[in-house]
Amino acid sequence: MITDQNGTIDVRFLRTTFLLLSERNVSRVAARLGQSQPSVSAVLKRARQVFDDPLLVRSGQGMAVTERGETVCASLGRILAELSETISPEEAFDPATTAFAMRISAMSCFNGFLIPPIAERLRNEAPVASIDFFAPAESDDLTEQLSSGASDLLVANWPAPHESLRSSTIFDCETACILRADHPAARAGAMSMDDYLDLPHLSLGSVVRPAFSPIGGRLKQLGVNRRVALSVPEYALVPPVIARTDLIFTTARPYAEFVVDRYPDYGLCVVPAPRDFGNMRLYLLWHERAHKSPANLWVRNLIRDVSRRYGADLVARPTPASMAGLAALAAV
């Protein structure tokens, strides 16, 4: 049972269980709570009985959370966060000590360069939080996920946010193309829209939904179509495919530079997309149900801060052509 001897919900038991599943270490939880190890071990024993599952099992020199334990941990994080809001929305939330769980859906093209610095801040400033970053599937109804609570935040570059969601612009970035450094289009420099449309393109399967694709959405606004010669199911395939073909891939400048920097042996470069595209806007989106959540608000502010610092750094850096394309041409 999760109630105490008076029949009320035992919040201390729930919080200790959440910390055990988050920390995966009895000694650390005992030190954090100022309790003895035997008393914390007793909570774990009770939790195993309540949830009818081992929850934590030995793995190597540490402990691993069972599949059931992962579900319990996520649920307890949400329950404890909502309880904190109900009791004292403003004063109760301290990211350094509050146990909360959050699921953040992020488009894959931003994960490589945004999630690492965000994760660093989260671990330093919210050490007992449980954060789940995941990439949405093409078939996912992202708006429904936010409204139902299946997801708490969404980082996306939609042409325009859905009107039912709250949103905040994180930063604007240039639209750019990734291609081989020895590609004729790289030698030509700046591309006109006519030049762009004449080229064969690589895309992701998600372009079948223009409402969620900044590239497809912008081309639709302009009343033009590009020739997609090949589609791939995930971003991880973009660099090796571009390196072996005459295709070009259109994306956000930060991702393009990330790819070129990360895979120097592929011989890729970055060229600005035609000016008709304008800038690509990165949004943070959430549902009204989470708008006043202290945990959600704190995480939103952290993501905004990290992203805007990154965006400011982009403005201060050289343009893609001067960094990668011209360097490649000089070596020819």
Protein backbone atom coordinates (compact mmCIF):
# COMPACT_ATOMS: atom_id res chain seq x y z
CA MET A 1 0.00 0.00 0.00
CA ILE A 2 1.09 3.58 -0.61
CA THR A 3 -0.85 4.95 2.34
CA ASP A 4 0.38 5.40 5.88
CA GLN A 5 -1.23 4.06 9.06
CA ASN A 6 -3.78 6.89 8.95
CA GLY A 7 -4.94 5.94 5.48
CA THR A 8 -3.41 9.01 3.77
CA ILE A 9 -1.06 8.86 0.80
CA ASP A 10 2.52 8.44 2.02
CA VAL A 11 4.28 11.18 0.05
CA ARG A 12 7.60 10.52 1.77
CA PHE A 13 7.48 6.92 0.57
CA LEU A 14 6.69 8.04 -3.00
CA ARG A 15 9.50 10.62 -3.03
CA THR A 16 12.07 8.18 -1.63
CA THR A 17 11.01 5.57 -4.18
CA PHE A 18 11.39 8.11 -6.99
CA LEU A 19 14.86 9.09 -5.76
CA LEU A 20 15.91 5.44 -5.55
CA LEU A 21 14.81 4.81 -9.14
CA SER A 22 16.45 8.03 -10.32
CA GLU A 23 19.75 7.68 -8.44
CA ARG A 24 19.91 3.85 -8.56
CA ASN A 25 22.01 3.97 -5.40
CA VAL A 26 20.77 3.41 -1.83
CA SER A 27 23.77 5.13 -0.20
CA ARG A 28 23.38 8.34 -2.24
CA VAL A 29 19.66 8.56 -1.55
CA ALA A 30 20.24 7.99 2.18
CA ALA A 31 22.86 10.77 2.26
CA ARG A 32 20.61 13.10 0.28
CA LEU A 33 17.67 12.58 2.62
CA GLY A 34 19.73 12.49 5.80
CA GLN A 35 18.51 9.00 6.61
CA SER A 36 20.23 5.71 7.41
CA GLN A 37 20.89 3.18 4.67
CA PRO A 38 18.77 0.50 6.39
CA SER A 39 15.74 2.82 6.45
CA VAL A 40 16.12 3.60 2.73
CA SER A 41 16.61 -0.10 1.99
CA ALA A 42 13.37 -0.75 3.85
CA VAL A 43 11.59 1.69 1.52
CA LEU A 44 12.97 -0.18 -1.49
CA LYS A 45 11.73 -3.48 -0.04
CA ARG A 46 8.29 -1.96 0.52
CA ALA A 47 8.24 -0.47 -2.99
CA ARG A 48 9.00 -3.88 -4.48
CA GLN A 49 6.00 -5.30 -2.67
CA VAL A 50 3.71 -2.40 -3.60
CA PHE A 51 4.58 -2.47 -7.29
CA ASP A 52 5.10 -6.24 -7.45
CA ASP A 53 8.41 -5.86 -9.25
CA PRO A 54 12.13 -5.87 -8.32
CA LEU A 55 12.37 -2.25 -9.62
CA LEU A 56 16.16 -2.20 -9.12
CA VAL A 57 18.40 -5.14 -9.99
CA ARG A 58 22.15 -5.62 -9.81
CA SER A 59 24.03 -4.91 -13.03
CA GLY A 60 27.81 -5.11 -12.97
CA GLN A 61 29.02 -2.95 -10.09
CA GLY A 62 25.85 -0.90 -9.91
CA MET A 63 22.07 -1.15 -10.12
CA ALA A 64 19.78 -1.07 -13.15
CA VAL A 65 16.11 -0.08 -13.28
CA THR A 66 13.67 -2.69 -14.59
CA GLU A 67 11.20 -1.88 -17.35
CA ARG A 68 8.43 -1.63 -14.75
CA GLY A 69 10.72 0.57 -12.65
CA GLU A 70 11.18 3.02 -15.54
CA THR A 71 7.40 3.37 -15.83
CA VAL A 72 6.99 3.85 -12.09
CA CYS A 73 9.79 6.44 -12.01
CA ALA A 74 8.22 8.52 -14.79
CA SER A 75 4.77 8.36 -13.19
CA LEU A 76 6.04 9.29 -9.72
CA GLY A 77 7.98 12.22 -11.17
CA ARG A 78 4.80 13.67 -12.65
CA ILE A 79 2.76 13.00 -9.51
CA LEU A 80 5.31 14.67 -7.24
CA ALA A 81 5.67 17.66 -9.55
CA GLU A 82 1.89 18.17 -9.72
CA LEU A 83 1.65 17.83 -5.94
CA SER A 84 4.31 20.50 -5.47
CA GLU A 85 2.41 22.85 -7.79
CA THR A 86 -0.87 22.27 -5.94
CA ILE A 87 0.60 22.87 -2.49
CA SER A 88 2.69 25.93 -3.32
CA PRO A 89 3.10 26.79 -7.00
CA GLU A 90 5.69 29.51 -6.53
CA GLU A 91 7.68 28.62 -3.41
CA ALA A 92 7.78 24.81 -3.55
CA PHE A 93 9.82 24.36 -6.70
CA ASP A 94 13.58 24.17 -6.34
CA PRO A 95 15.20 22.42 -9.31
CA ALA A 96 18.17 21.37 -7.19
CA THR A 97 16.01 19.35 -4.80
CA THR A 98 12.65 18.77 -6.50
CA ALA A 99 12.07 15.35 -8.02
CA PHE A 100 10.23 15.73 -11.31
CA ALA A 101 9.99 13.91 -14.63
CA MET A 102 9.61 15.39 -18.08
CA ARG A 103 9.39 14.06 -21.64
CA ILE A 104 10.77 16.35 -24.33
CA SER A 105 10.17 15.64 -27.99
CA ALA A 106 12.91 17.07 -30.21
CA MET A 107 13.34 16.97 -33.98
CA SER A 108 16.43 14.85 -34.73
CA CYS A 109 18.28 17.53 -36.68
CA PHE A 110 18.73 19.58 -33.50
CA ASN A 111 19.67 16.78 -31.13
CA GLY A 112 23.39 16.59 -31.89
CA PHE A 113 24.25 20.17 -31.09
CA LEU A 114 21.50 21.21 -28.64
CA ILE A 115 20.89 18.25 -26.34
CA PRO A 116 24.49 17.91 -24.98
CA PRO A 117 24.67 21.47 -23.54
CA ILE A 118 21.06 21.23 -22.33
CA ALA A 119 21.83 17.89 -20.66
CA GLU A 120 24.88 19.39 -18.96
CA ARG A 121 22.81 22.21 -17.46
CA LEU A 122 20.04 19.82 -16.40
CA ARG A 123 22.41 17.47 -14.60
CA ASN A 124 24.18 20.35 -12.85
CA GLU A 125 21.07 22.27 -11.84
CA ALA A 126 18.38 19.57 -11.48
CA PRO A 127 20.27 16.44 -10.36
CA VAL A 128 17.20 14.49 -9.17
CA ALA A 129 15.06 15.19 -12.22
CA SER A 130 14.27 12.46 -14.74
CA ILE A 131 14.32 13.83 -18.31
CA ASP A 132 13.41 11.77 -21.36
CA PHE A 133 14.41 13.24 -24.75
CA PHE A 134 12.91 11.41 -27.69
CA ALA A 135 12.58 11.89 -31.44
CA PRO A 136 8.96 11.86 -32.66
CA ALA A 137 7.93 9.28 -35.23
CA GLU A 138 6.52 10.48 -38.54
CA SER A 139 3.12 9.06 -37.62
CA ASP A 140 2.97 10.79 -34.23
CA ASP A 141 0.29 13.38 -33.58
CA LEU A 142 2.59 15.82 -31.81
CA THR A 143 -0.20 18.21 -30.81
CA GLU A 144 -2.16 15.34 -29.26
CA GLN A 145 0.95 14.16 -27.41
CA LEU A 146 1.31 17.57 -25.76
CA SER A 147 -2.37 17.89 -24.90
CA SER A 148 -2.58 14.37 -23.46
CA GLY A 149 0.60 14.62 -21.40
CA ALA A 150 2.46 11.96 -23.40
CA SER A 151 4.96 14.74 -24.08
CA ASP A 152 5.62 17.86 -22.00
CA LEU A 153 7.64 19.99 -24.40
CA LEU A 154 8.41 19.96 -28.11
CA VAL A 155 11.41 21.49 -29.87
CA ALA A 156 10.48 21.91 -33.52
CA ASN A 157 11.08 23.93 -36.66
CA TRP A 158 7.57 23.85 -38.11
CA PRO A 159 6.74 26.57 -40.66
CA ALA A 160 4.24 27.89 -38.07
CA PRO A 161 3.23 26.53 -34.64
CA HIS A 162 -0.19 24.98 -34.23
CA GLU A 163 -2.64 27.59 -32.96
CA SER A 164 -3.77 25.36 -30.07
CA LEU A 165 -0.27 25.35 -28.56
CA ARG A 166 1.73 27.93 -26.70
CA SER A 167 5.07 28.67 -28.29
CA SER A 168 8.27 30.62 -27.91
CA THR A 169 10.87 31.31 -30.59
CA ILE A 170 14.26 30.03 -29.47
CA PHE A 171 16.27 31.47 -32.35
CA ASP A 172 16.27 32.10 -36.08
CA CYS A 173 18.95 30.51 -38.21
CA GLU A 174 19.89 30.52 -41.86
CA THR A 175 18.75 27.78 -44.21
CA ALA A 176 21.69 25.97 -45.80
CA CYS A 177 22.55 23.04 -48.04
CA ILE A 178 24.97 20.18 -47.39
CA LEU A 179 26.79 18.79 -50.43
CA ARG A 180 30.12 17.33 -51.48
CA ALA A 181 32.94 19.85 -51.47
CA ASP A 182 33.74 18.92 -55.09
CA HIS A 183 30.11 19.30 -56.20
CA PRO A 184 29.69 21.80 -59.09
CA ALA A 185 27.16 23.73 -56.99
CA ALA A 186 29.81 24.22 -54.29
CA ARG A 187 32.15 25.80 -56.83
CA ALA A 188 29.41 28.09 -58.09
CA GLY A 189 28.89 29.66 -54.64
CA ALA A 190 25.56 31.39 -53.98
CA MET A 191 22.58 29.53 -55.45
CA SER A 192 19.57 31.05 -57.16
CA MET A 193 16.22 29.34 -56.73
CA ASP A 194 16.34 28.19 -60.35
CA ASP A 195 19.75 26.59 -59.74
CA TYR A 196 18.44 24.99 -56.56
CA LEU A 197 15.38 23.48 -58.27
CA ASP A 198 17.53 22.05 -61.08
CA LEU A 199 19.54 19.95 -58.61
CA PRO A 200 18.64 16.44 -57.35
CA HIS A 201 17.71 16.48 -53.66
CA LEU A 202 17.95 14.19 -50.65
CA SER A 203 15.14 14.38 -48.11
CA LEU A 204 13.67 12.63 -45.11
CA GLY A 205 10.44 10.66 -45.25
CA SER A 206 8.79 13.37 -43.12
CA VAL A 207 8.61 15.76 -46.10
CA VAL A 208 5.32 14.10 -47.01
CA ARG A 209 3.82 16.34 -44.32
CA PRO A 210 4.56 19.92 -45.48
CA ALA A 211 2.79 21.36 -42.42
CA PHE A 212 5.64 20.02 -40.28
CA SER A 213 8.51 20.49 -42.75
CA PRO A 214 10.08 23.95 -42.94
CA ILE A 215 11.58 23.15 -46.35
CA GLY A 216 8.47 21.59 -47.87
CA GLY A 217 6.30 24.26 -46.28
CA ARG A 218 8.38 27.12 -47.68
CA LEU A 219 8.51 25.62 -51.17
CA LYS A 220 4.74 25.21 -51.08
CA GLN A 221 4.38 28.89 -50.11
CA LEU A 222 6.59 29.85 -53.06
CA GLY A 223 4.55 27.67 -55.41
CA VAL A 224 7.52 25.60 -56.59
CA ASN A 225 8.60 21.96 -56.35
CA ARG A 226 12.04 20.43 -56.06
CA ARG A 227 13.03 17.04 -57.43
CA VAL A 228 13.53 14.64 -54.54
CA ALA A 229 15.71 11.90 -56.00
CA LEU A 230 16.13 9.95 -52.78
CA SER A 231 14.50 9.84 -49.34
CA VAL A 232 16.02 8.30 -46.23
CA PRO A 233 14.30 7.42 -42.94
CA GLU A 234 16.69 9.15 -40.53
CA TYR A 235 19.22 11.95 -40.21
CA ALA A 236 22.09 9.56 -39.47
CA LEU A 237 22.05 8.50 -43.15
CA VAL A 238 22.37 12.03 -44.52
CA PRO A 239 26.19 12.47 -44.28
CA PRO A 240 27.23 9.14 -45.89
CA VAL A 241 24.63 9.42 -48.65
CA ILE A 242 25.62 12.99 -49.53
CA ALA A 243 29.30 11.95 -49.52
CA ARG A 244 28.64 9.23 -52.13
CA THR A 245 26.19 11.01 -54.43
CA ASP A 246 25.51 14.23 -56.33
CA LEU A 247 22.54 14.99 -54.05
CA ILE A 248 22.13 18.04 -51.83
CA PHE A 249 20.35 18.23 -48.48
CA THR A 250 18.58 21.37 -47.25
CA THR A 251 18.43 21.99 -43.52
CA ALA A 252 19.15 24.46 -40.71
CA ARG A 253 22.60 25.99 -40.81
CA PRO A 254 23.52 24.74 -37.28
CA TYR A 255 22.84 21.15 -38.28
CA ALA A 256 24.70 21.57 -41.57
CA GLU A 257 27.79 22.89 -39.79
CA PHE A 258 27.50 20.18 -37.15
CA VAL A 259 27.55 17.50 -39.86
CA VAL A 260 30.54 19.00 -41.69
CA ASP A 261 32.52 19.41 -38.47
CA ARG A 262 31.66 15.94 -37.18
CA TYR A 263 32.45 14.05 -40.40
CA PRO A 264 35.56 15.71 -41.84
CA ASP A 265 36.55 12.57 -43.77
CA TYR A 266 33.37 12.72 -45.85
CA GLY A 267 34.56 15.79 -47.75
CA LEU A 268 31.34 17.79 -47.28
CA CYS A 269 30.71 21.52 -47.32
CA VAL A 270 27.94 23.98 -46.49
CA VAL A 271 26.47 26.40 -49.01
CA PRO A 272 23.75 28.95 -48.20
CA ALA A 273 20.33 28.05 -49.59
CA PRO A 274 18.65 30.50 -52.00
CA ARG A 275 17.60 33.72 -50.30
CA ASP A 276 13.96 32.94 -51.10
CA PHE A 277 13.96 30.48 -48.19
CA GLY A 278 14.61 33.13 -45.59
CA ASN A 279 15.52 32.05 -42.06
CA MET A 280 14.42 28.86 -40.38
CA ARG A 281 12.81 29.41 -36.99
CA LEU A 282 13.26 27.07 -34.05
CA TYR A 283 10.30 26.88 -31.65
CA LEU A 284 9.67 25.57 -28.18
CA LEU A 285 6.04 24.42 -27.88
CA TRP A 286 3.87 23.30 -24.97
CA HIS A 287 0.21 22.84 -24.10
CA GLU A 288 -1.87 25.12 -21.91
CA ARG A 289 -2.12 22.37 -19.28
CA ALA A 290 1.63 22.74 -18.60
CA HIS A 291 1.85 26.52 -18.94
CA LYS A 292 1.88 27.27 -15.20
CA SER A 293 3.83 24.20 -14.15
CA PRO A 294 6.93 25.41 -12.23
CA ALA A 295 8.99 22.47 -13.50
CA ASN A 296 7.90 22.99 -17.09
CA LEU A 297 8.53 26.73 -16.86
CA TRP A 298 11.99 26.19 -15.39
CA VAL A 299 12.95 23.70 -18.12
CA ARG A 300 11.56 26.03 -20.81
CA ASN A 301 13.69 28.88 -19.52
CA LEU A 302 16.77 26.66 -19.38
CA ILE A 303 16.28 25.44 -22.98
CA ARG A 304 15.69 29.01 -24.16
CA ASP A 305 18.85 30.21 -22.44
CA VAL A 306 21.03 27.43 -23.87
CA SER A 307 19.54 27.81 -27.34
CA ARG A 308 19.84 31.59 -27.45
CA ARG A 309 23.45 31.39 -26.34
CA TYR A 310 24.00 28.99 -29.21
CA GLY A 311 22.13 31.29 -31.57
CA ALA A 312 24.23 34.28 -30.49
CA ASP A 313 27.36 32.22 -31.14
CA LEU A 314 26.11 31.44 -34.65
CA VAL A 315 25.72 35.13 -35.45
CA ALA A 316 29.32 35.75 -34.40
CA ARG A 317 30.72 32.93 -36.54
CA PRO A 318 31.76 33.17 -40.22
CA THR A 319 29.22 32.25 -42.88
CA PRO A 320 29.09 28.60 -43.97
CA ALA A 321 30.62 29.28 -47.37
CA SER A 322 33.69 31.00 -45.91
CA MET A 323 34.20 28.20 -43.38
CA ALA A 324 33.77 25.00 -45.33
CA GLY A 325 33.09 25.56 -49.00
CA LEU A 326 35.93 27.96 -49.73
CA ALA A 327 38.38 25.90 -47.69
CA ALA A 328 37.48 22.85 -49.77
CA LEU A 329 37.82 24.77 -53.04
CA ALA A 330 41.22 26.10 -52.02
CA ALA A 331 42.44 22.55 -51.59
CA VAL A 332 41.44 21.55 -55.13
